């Protein structure tokens, strides 16, 4: 899976979790929580959705890699390269 495809997957997950958010102007460098109203349960929903869709385990100590779109894509690219 390419970084662009991973980005789209994350956009789709965010749209599902926060349907009222406008994701068209999402800044890939800024933390999600600075741009959206996401709480800790929403964040866990992202992790669980990735697990459900791609059977990927994201350990809690790696959650800091999922703060922005760029950091999330960078973290997931090697893990989803064969997806």
Protein backbone atom coordinates (compact mmCIF):
# COMPACT_ATOMS: atom_id res chain seq x y z
CA UNK A 1 0.00 0.00 0.00
CA UNK A 2 1.41 3.38 -0.97
CA UNK A 3 1.59 6.41 1.35
CA UNK A 4 -1.19 8.08 -0.68
CA UNK A 5 -3.42 5.02 -0.24
CA UNK A 6 -2.68 4.92 3.49
CA UNK A 7 -3.54 8.62 3.76
CA UNK A 8 -6.89 7.93 2.10
CA UNK A 9 -7.57 5.04 4.48
CA UNK A 10 -6.93 7.36 7.43
CA UNK A 11 -9.20 10.02 5.91
CA UNK A 12 -11.93 7.39 5.50
CA UNK A 13 -11.53 6.24 9.11
CA UNK A 14 -11.61 9.83 10.39
CA UNK A 15 -14.73 10.54 8.33
CA UNK A 16 -16.40 7.50 9.87
CA UNK A 17 -15.40 8.42 13.43
CA UNK A 18 -16.08 12.15 13.12
CA UNK A 19 -18.68 12.56 10.36
CA UNK A 20 -19.29 16.25 11.13
CA UNK A 21 -15.65 17.25 10.64
CA UNK A 22 -14.48 18.96 7.45
CA UNK A 23 -11.44 16.95 6.41
CA UNK A 24 -10.84 18.78 3.14
CA UNK A 25 -8.44 21.27 4.76
CA UNK A 26 -6.61 18.84 7.00
CA UNK A 27 -3.00 19.92 7.49
CA UNK A 28 -0.86 16.79 7.35
CA UNK A 29 1.78 18.35 9.63
CA UNK A 30 -0.51 19.42 12.47
CA UNK A 31 -1.70 17.04 15.16
CA UNK A 32 -5.19 15.67 14.55
CA UNK A 33 -6.36 16.91 17.95
CA UNK A 34 -5.45 20.51 17.05
CA UNK A 35 -7.63 20.30 13.95
CA UNK A 36 -10.49 18.08 15.03
CA UNK A 37 -12.51 17.35 18.11
CA UNK A 38 -11.09 13.93 18.86
CA UNK A 39 -11.04 12.48 22.32
CA UNK A 40 -9.10 9.47 23.56
CA UNK A 41 -11.94 7.11 22.66
CA UNK A 42 -11.98 8.44 19.09
CA UNK A 43 -8.25 7.83 18.91
CA UNK A 44 -8.72 4.25 20.08
CA UNK A 45 -11.42 3.86 17.43
CA UNK A 46 -8.81 4.73 14.80
CA UNK A 47 -6.45 2.09 16.19
CA UNK A 48 -9.23 -0.50 16.36
CA UNK A 49 -10.40 0.25 12.82
CA UNK A 50 -6.86 -0.27 11.52
CA UNK A 51 -6.70 -3.55 13.42
CA UNK A 52 -10.05 -4.66 12.00
CA UNK A 53 -9.32 -3.65 8.41
CA UNK A 54 -5.67 -4.71 8.14
CA UNK A 55 -5.01 -6.95 11.14
CA UNK A 56 -2.28 -4.62 12.28
CA UNK A 57 -1.36 -4.43 15.95
CA UNK A 58 -0.34 -1.00 17.18
CA UNK A 59 1.15 -1.21 20.66
CA UNK A 60 0.25 1.53 23.10
CA UNK A 61 3.87 2.67 23.27
CA UNK A 62 3.64 3.51 19.53
CA UNK A 63 0.53 5.71 19.80
CA UNK A 64 2.73 8.83 19.73
CA UNK A 65 3.47 7.95 16.08
CA UNK A 66 -0.17 8.54 15.19
CA UNK A 67 -0.54 12.19 16.16
CA UNK A 68 -0.62 13.76 12.68
CA UNK A 69 -1.35 12.54 9.19
CA UNK A 70 2.32 12.58 8.18
CA UNK A 71 3.48 10.73 11.29
CA UNK A 72 0.68 8.20 10.89
CA UNK A 73 1.46 7.53 7.23
CA UNK A 74 5.20 7.26 7.99
CA UNK A 75 4.51 4.80 10.81
CA UNK A 76 2.06 2.67 8.82
CA UNK A 77 3.86 2.56 5.45
CA UNK A 78 6.26 -0.29 6.31
CA UNK A 79 3.53 -2.14 8.22
CA UNK A 80 1.04 -1.99 5.35
CA UNK A 81 3.43 -2.39 2.43
CA UNK A 82 1.91 -5.76 1.53
CA UNK A 83 -1.71 -4.82 2.20
